[in-house]
PDB file of N, CA and C in Angstrom:
ATOM      1  N   MET A   1       0.921  -1.237   0.154  1.00  0.00           N
ATOM      2  CA  MET A   1      -0.478  -0.163  -0.320  1.00  0.00           C
ATOM      3  C   MET A   1       0.705   1.272   0.522  1.00  0.00           C
ATOM      4  N   LYS A   2       0.726   2.064  -0.748  1.00  0.00           N
ATOM      5  CA  LYS A   2       1.104   3.333  -0.490  1.00  0.00           C
ATOM      6  C   LYS A   2      -0.040   4.273  -0.480  1.00  0.00           C
ATOM      7  N   THR A   3       0.653   5.774   0.702  1.00  0.00           N
ATOM      8  CA  THR A   3       0.171   6.506   0.403  1.00  0.00           C
ATOM      9  C   THR A   3       0.355   8.056  -0.057  1.00  0.00           C
ATOM     10  N   SER A   4      -0.795   9.125  -0.737  1.00  0.00           N
ATOM     11  CA  SER A   4      -0.091  10.134  -1.644  1.00  0.00           C
ATOM     12  C   SER A   4      -1.536  10.638  -1.463  1.00  0.00           C
ATOM     13  N   TYR A   5      -1.240  11.707  -1.228  1.00  0.00           N
ATOM     14  CA  TYR A   5      -1.349  13.571  -1.121  1.00  0.00           C
ATOM     15  C   TYR A   5      -1.366  14.183  -3.019  1.00  0.00           C
ATOM     16  N   PHE A   6      -2.421  14.463  -2.673  1.00  0.00           N
ATOM     17  CA  PHE A   6      -2.950  15.723  -4.101  1.00  0.00           C
ATOM     18  C   PHE A   6      -4.251  16.365  -3.636  1.00  0.00           C
ATOM     19  N   THR A   7      -3.765  17.979  -4.869  1.00  0.00           N
ATOM     20  CA  THR A   7      -4.313  18.807  -4.582  1.00  0.00           C
ATOM     21  C   THR A   7      -5.216  19.250  -6.124  1.00  0.00           C
ATOM     22  N   PHE A   8      -5.923  20.109  -6.155  1.00  0.00           N
ATOM     23  CA  PHE A   8      -6.858  20.975  -7.125  1.00  0.00           C
ATOM     24  C   PHE A   8      -6.504  22.356  -7.691  1.00  0.00           C
ATOM     25  N   GLY A   9      -6.465  21.994  -9.125  1.00  0.00           N
ATOM     26  CA  GLY A   9      -6.042  23.223  -9.871  1.00  0.00           C
ATOM     27  C   GLY A   9      -7.317  24.267  -9.044  1.00  0.00           C
ATOM     28  N   GLN A  10      -7.932  24.891  -9.611  1.00  0.00           N
ATOM     29  CA  GLN A  10      -8.576  26.311  -9.501  1.00  0.00           C
ATOM     30  C   GLN A  10      -9.283  26.071 -10.179  1.00  0.00           C
ATOM     31  N   GLY A  11      -9.422  25.603 -10.480  1.00  0.00           N
ATOM     32  CA  GLY A  11     -11.304  25.574 -11.535  1.00  0.00           C
ATOM     33  C   GLY A  11     -11.608  24.079 -11.032  1.00  0.00           C
ATOM     34  N   HIS A  12     -10.716  23.013 -10.569  1.00  0.00           N
ATOM     35  CA  HIS A  12     -11.123  22.196 -10.757  1.00  0.00           C
ATOM     36  C   HIS A  12     -11.775  22.069  -8.804  1.00  0.00           C
ATOM     37  N   ALA A  13     -13.318  22.421  -9.583  1.00  0.00           N
ATOM     38  CA  ALA A  13     -14.225  22.013  -7.604  1.00  0.00           C
ATOM     39  C   ALA A  13     -15.479  20.378  -8.372  1.00  0.00           C
ATOM     40  N   HIS A  14     -15.672  19.671  -6.908  1.00  0.00           N
ATOM     41  CA  HIS A  14     -16.500  18.694  -7.579  1.00  0.00           C
ATOM     42  C   HIS A  14     -16.882  18.061  -5.798  1.00  0.00           C
ATOM     43  N   SER A  15     -18.376  17.999  -6.226  1.00  0.00           N
ATOM     44  CA  SER A  15     -19.055  16.642  -5.263  1.00  0.00           C
ATOM     45  C   SER A  15     -19.226  15.746  -5.168  1.00  0.00           C
ATOM     46  N   VAL A  16     -18.329  14.885  -4.212  1.00  0.00           N
ATOM     47  CA  VAL A  16     -18.254  13.509  -4.042  1.00  0.00           C
ATOM     48  C   VAL A  16     -19.229  13.682  -2.710  1.00  0.00           C
ATOM     49  N   ASN A  17     -20.230  12.127  -3.066  1.00  0.00           N
ATOM     50  CA  ASN A  17     -21.113  11.998  -1.939  1.00  0.00           C
ATOM     51  C   ASN A  17     -22.022  13.768  -0.970  1.00  0.00           C
ATOM     52  N   GLY A  18     -21.815  14.677  -1.465  1.00  0.00           N
ATOM     53  CA  GLY A  18     -22.314  15.981  -1.215  1.00  0.00           C
ATOM     54  C   GLY A  18     -20.768  16.350  -0.402  1.00  0.00           C
ATOM     55  N   PHE A  19     -19.638  15.643  -0.653  1.00  0.00           N
ATOM     56  CA  PHE A  19     -18.608  16.725   0.507  1.00  0.00           C
ATOM     57  C   PHE A  19     -17.773  17.505  -1.111  1.00  0.00           C
ATOM     58  N   THR A  20     -17.572  18.761  -0.532  1.00  0.00           N
ATOM     59  CA  THR A  20     -17.115  19.676  -1.380  1.00  0.00           C
ATOM     60  C   THR A  20     -15.618  19.806  -1.976  1.00  0.00           C
ATOM     61  N   TYR A  21     -14.823  19.187  -3.136  1.00  0.00           N
ATOM     62  CA  TYR A  21     -12.924  18.576  -2.849  1.00  0.00           C
ATOM     63  C   TYR A  21     -13.136  20.141  -4.536  1.00  0.00           C
ATOM     64  N   ASP A  22     -11.894  20.937  -3.550  1.00  0.00           N
ATOM     65  CA  ASP A  22     -11.294  22.182  -5.034  1.00  0.00           C
ATOM     66  C   ASP A  22      -9.895  21.955  -3.862  1.00  0.00           C
ATOM     67  N   LYS A  23     -10.069  23.803  -4.748  1.00  0.00           N
ATOM     68  CA  LYS A  23      -8.380  24.516  -4.399  1.00  0.00           C
ATOM     69  C   LYS A  23      -7.968  24.340  -3.675  1.00  0.00           C
ATOM     70  N   ASP A  24      -8.637  24.210  -2.089  1.00  0.00           N
ATOM     71  CA  ASP A  24      -8.676  24.826  -0.730  1.00  0.00           C
ATOM     72  C   ASP A  24      -8.572  23.710   0.003  1.00  0.00           C
ATOM     73  N   ILE A  25      -8.434  21.850  -0.185  1.00  0.00           N
ATOM     74  CA  ILE A  25      -8.398  21.017  -0.236  1.00  0.00           C
ATOM     75  C   ILE A  25      -7.802  19.917  -0.421  1.00  0.00           C
ATOM     76  N   ILE A  26      -6.544  18.886   0.544  1.00  0.00           N
ATOM     77  CA  ILE A  26      -5.596  19.022  -0.271  1.00  0.00           C
ATOM     78  C   ILE A  26      -6.096  16.662   0.412  1.00  0.00           C
ATOM     79  N   VAL A  27      -5.777  15.831  -0.835  1.00  0.00           N
ATOM     80  CA  VAL A  27      -6.983  14.852  -0.702  1.00  0.00           C
ATOM     81  C   VAL A  27      -5.692  14.147  -0.498  1.00  0.00           C
ATOM     82  N   LYS A  28      -5.994  12.920   0.560  1.00  0.00           N
ATOM     83  CA  LYS A  28      -5.178  12.079   0.616  1.00  0.00           C
ATOM     84  C   LYS A  28      -5.187  10.637   0.851  1.00  0.00           C
ATOM     85  N   VAL A  29      -4.567  10.124   0.007  1.00  0.00           N
ATOM     86  CA  VAL A  29      -5.009   8.056  -0.541  1.00  0.00           C
ATOM     87  C   VAL A  29      -4.095   7.855  -0.175  1.00  0.00           C
ATOM     88  N   THR A  30      -4.847   6.050   0.438  1.00  0.00           N
ATOM     89  CA  THR A  30      -4.173   5.458   0.548  1.00  0.00           C
ATOM     90  C   THR A  30      -4.746   3.865   0.404  1.00  0.00           C
ATOM     91  N   ALA A  31      -4.012   3.102  -1.601  1.00  0.00           N
ATOM     92  CA  ALA A  31      -4.154   2.317  -1.351  1.00  0.00           C
ATOM     93  C   ALA A  31      -2.833   1.567  -2.301  1.00  0.00           C
ATOM     94  N   TYR A  32      -3.312   1.367  -2.941  1.00  0.00           N
ATOM     95  CA  TYR A  32      -1.758  -0.592  -4.559  1.00  0.00           C
ATOM     96  C   TYR A  32      -1.472   0.577  -5.305  1.00  0.00           C
ATOM     97  N   ASN A  33      -2.594   1.767  -5.311  1.00  0.00           N
ATOM     98  CA  ASN A  33      -2.377   3.166  -5.898  1.00  0.00           C
ATOM     99  C   ASN A  33      -3.060   3.848  -6.825  1.00  0.00           C
ATOM    100  N   PRO A  34      -2.429   5.095  -5.538  1.00  0.00           N
ATOM    101  CA  PRO A  34      -3.402   5.809  -5.413  1.00  0.00           C
ATOM    102  C   PRO A  34      -3.763   6.770  -6.554  1.00  0.00           C
ATOM    103  N   ARG A  35      -2.321   6.952  -7.504  1.00  0.00           N
ATOM    104  CA  ARG A  35      -3.123   7.522  -8.802  1.00  0.00           C
ATOM    105  C   ARG A  35      -4.543   7.423  -9.643  1.00  0.00           C
ATOM    106  N   GLN A  36      -4.621   6.166  -9.011  1.00  0.00           N
ATOM    107  CA  GLN A  36      -5.618   5.204 -10.076  1.00  0.00           C
ATOM    108  C   GLN A  36      -7.009   5.814  -9.985  1.00  0.00           C
ATOM    109  N   VAL A  37      -7.330   5.814  -8.334  1.00  0.00           N
ATOM    110  CA  VAL A  37      -8.403   5.817  -7.548  1.00  0.00           C
ATOM    111  C   VAL A  37      -7.987   7.632  -8.000  1.00  0.00           C
ATOM    112  N   MET A  38      -7.607   8.313  -8.053  1.00  0.00           N
ATOM    113  CA  MET A  38      -7.946   9.654  -8.338  1.00  0.00           C
ATOM    114  C   MET A  38      -8.537   9.596  -9.821  1.00  0.00           C
ATOM    115  N   PHE A  39      -8.191   9.125 -10.372  1.00  0.00           N
ATOM    116  CA  PHE A  39      -8.610   9.083 -11.828  1.00  0.00           C
ATOM    117  C   PHE A  39     -10.342   8.457 -12.188  1.00  0.00           C
ATOM    118  N   ASP A  40     -10.491   7.432 -11.124  1.00  0.00           N
ATOM    119  CA  ASP A  40     -11.682   6.581 -10.970  1.00  0.00           C
ATOM    120  C   ASP A  40     -12.653   7.600 -10.558  1.00  0.00           C
ATOM    121  N   THR A  41     -12.443   8.630  -8.969  1.00  0.00           N
ATOM    122  CA  THR A  41     -12.913   9.052  -8.497  1.00  0.00           C
ATOM    123  C   THR A  41     -13.168  10.661  -9.148  1.00  0.00           C
ATOM    124  N   PHE A  42     -12.045  11.197  -9.368  1.00  0.00           N
ATOM    125  CA  PHE A  42     -12.260  12.668  -9.858  1.00  0.00           C
ATOM    126  C   PHE A  42     -11.578  13.145 -11.652  1.00  0.00           C
ATOM    127  N   GLY A  43     -11.647  11.930 -12.381  1.00  0.00           N
ATOM    128  CA  GLY A  43     -11.258  12.299 -13.792  1.00  0.00           C
ATOM    129  C   GLY A  43      -9.705  12.344 -13.263  1.00  0.00           C
ATOM    130  N   ALA A  44      -9.567  13.331 -15.064  1.00  0.00           N
ATOM    131  CA  ALA A  44      -8.361  14.089 -14.628  1.00  0.00           C
ATOM    132  C   ALA A  44      -7.654  15.290 -14.348  1.00  0.00           C
ATOM    133  N   GLN A  45      -9.322  15.168 -14.100  1.00  0.00           N
ATOM    134  CA  GLN A  45      -9.584  17.199 -13.307  1.00  0.00           C
ATOM    135  C   GLN A  45      -8.536  17.496 -11.549  1.00  0.00           C
ATOM    136  N   TRP A  46      -8.058  17.423 -11.706  1.00  0.00           N
ATOM    137  CA  TRP A  46      -6.527  17.329 -10.373  1.00  0.00           C
ATOM    138  C   TRP A  46      -5.520  18.217 -10.949  1.00  0.00           C
ATOM    139  N   SER A  47      -4.948  18.463  -9.955  1.00  0.00           N
ATOM    140  CA  SER A  47      -3.315  19.122 -10.736  1.00  0.00           C
ATOM    141  C   SER A  47      -2.183  18.475  -9.855  1.00  0.00           C
ATOM    142  N   PHE A  48      -2.108  18.163  -8.562  1.00  0.00           N
ATOM    143  CA  PHE A  48      -0.573  17.726  -8.175  1.00  0.00           C
ATOM    144  C   PHE A  48      -0.756  16.180  -7.074  1.00  0.00           C
ATOM    145  N   GLU A  49      -0.142  15.073  -7.677  1.00  0.00           N
ATOM    146  CA  GLU A  49       0.387  14.393  -6.186  1.00  0.00           C
ATOM    147  C   GLU A  49       1.533  14.712  -6.296  1.00  0.00           C
ATOM    148  N   TYR A  50       1.770  13.862  -4.390  1.00  0.00           N
ATOM    149  CA  TYR A  50       2.508  14.818  -3.622  1.00  0.00           C
ATOM    150  C   TYR A  50       3.480  13.014  -2.913  1.00  0.00           C
ATOM    151  N   ASP A  51       4.513  12.817  -2.183  1.00  0.00           N
ATOM    152  CA  ASP A  51       5.163  11.612  -1.357  1.00  0.00           C
ATOM    153  C   ASP A  51       4.887  12.089  -0.235  1.00  0.00           C
ATOM    154  N   GLU A  52       4.345  13.391   0.109  1.00  0.00           N
ATOM    155  CA  GLU A  52       4.502  13.870   1.924  1.00  0.00           C
ATOM    156  C   GLU A  52       3.608  15.128   1.365  1.00  0.00           C
ATOM    157  N   CYS A  53       2.607  15.001   2.655  1.00  0.00           N
ATOM    158  CA  CYS A  53       1.664  16.229   2.601  1.00  0.00           C
ATOM    159  C   CYS A  53       2.207  17.797   2.224  1.00  0.00           C
ATOM    160  N   PRO A  54       1.620  18.167   1.504  1.00  0.00           N
ATOM    161  CA  PRO A  54       2.018  19.720   1.551  1.00  0.00           C
ATOM    162  C   PRO A  54       1.799  20.376   2.316  1.00  0.00           C
ATOM    163  N   ASP A  55       1.977  21.907   2.643  1.00  0.00           N
ATOM    164  CA  ASP A  55       2.807  22.563   2.992  1.00  0.00           C
ATOM    165  C   ASP A  55       0.782  23.678   3.514  1.00  0.00           C
ATOM    166  N   LEU A  56      -0.015  22.930   5.135  1.00  0.00           N
ATOM    167  CA  LEU A  56      -1.046  23.584   5.244  1.00  0.00           C
ATOM    168  C   LEU A  56      -1.475  24.538   5.154  1.00  0.00           C
ATOM    169  N   LYS A  57      -0.593  26.196   5.148  1.00  0.00           N
ATOM    170  CA  LYS A  57      -1.068  26.824   5.192  1.00  0.00           C
ATOM    171  C   LYS A  57      -1.005  27.789   3.709  1.00  0.00           C
ATOM    172  N   HIS A  58      -1.046  26.121   2.396  1.00  0.00           N
ATOM    173  CA  HIS A  58      -1.696  26.922   1.176  1.00  0.00           C
ATOM    174  C   HIS A  58      -3.133  26.398   1.449  1.00  0.00           C
ATOM    175  N   PHE A  59      -3.944  25.316   2.643  1.00  0.00           N
ATOM    176  CA  PHE A  59      -4.755  24.845   2.036  1.00  0.00           C
ATOM    177  C   PHE A  59      -5.900  24.718   3.240  1.00  0.00           C
ATOM    178  N   PRO A  60      -6.473  26.368   3.221  1.00  0.00           N
ATOM    179  CA  PRO A  60      -7.358  26.212   4.832  1.00  0.00           C
ATOM    180  C   PRO A  60      -8.578  25.001   5.181  1.00  0.00           C
ATOM    181  N   ARG A  61      -8.498  24.264   3.721  1.00  0.00           N
ATOM    182  CA  ARG A  61      -9.886  22.969   4.559  1.00  0.00           C
ATOM    183  C   ARG A  61      -8.991  21.692   4.018  1.00  0.00           C
ATOM    184  N   GLY A  62      -7.513  21.880   5.268  1.00  0.00           N
ATOM    185  CA  GLY A  62      -6.529  20.729   6.392  1.00  0.00           C
ATOM    186  C   GLY A  62      -7.133  19.597   4.561  1.00  0.00           C
ATOM    187  N   VAL A  63      -7.067  18.499   4.824  1.00  0.00           N
ATOM    188  CA  VAL A  63      -6.770  17.545   4.422  1.00  0.00           C
ATOM    189  C   VAL A  63      -7.989  15.242   4.711  1.00  0.00           C
ATOM    190  N   LYS A  64      -8.192  15.523   3.319  1.00  0.00           N
ATOM    191  CA  LYS A  64      -9.957  14.610   3.248  1.00  0.00           C
ATOM    192  C   LYS A  64      -9.137  13.299   3.509  1.00  0.00           C
ATOM    193  N   GLU A  65      -9.766  12.356   3.946  1.00  0.00           N
ATOM    194  CA  GLU A  65      -9.138  11.507   3.557  1.00  0.00           C
ATOM    195  C   GLU A  65     -10.340  10.154   2.354  1.00  0.00           C
ATOM    196  N   LEU A  66      -9.479   9.661   1.592  1.00  0.00           N
ATOM    197  CA  LEU A  66     -10.343   9.645   0.672  1.00  0.00           C
ATOM    198  C   LEU A  66     -10.736   8.395   0.634  1.00  0.00           C
ATOM    199  N   ASN A  67     -11.481   6.295   1.073  1.00  0.00           N
ATOM    200  CA  ASN A  67     -12.515   6.213   1.022  1.00  0.00           C
ATOM    201  C   ASN A  67     -12.444   4.908  -0.117  1.00  0.00           C
TER     202      ASN A  67
END
């Protein structure tokens, strides 16, 4: 299993099960292929993948784990 952190660009906003994912939040994914989980959930509408959690000062909504 691998943990990756993902962010969204300015124009990327998604509503999944009533929760909004946007430029102000970091998504944490732990899976065998975290990148594939992002594509399955958000398509190609996200921005960057990180091995470590980015600095939260740029993401006021914090970290949301995607299950």
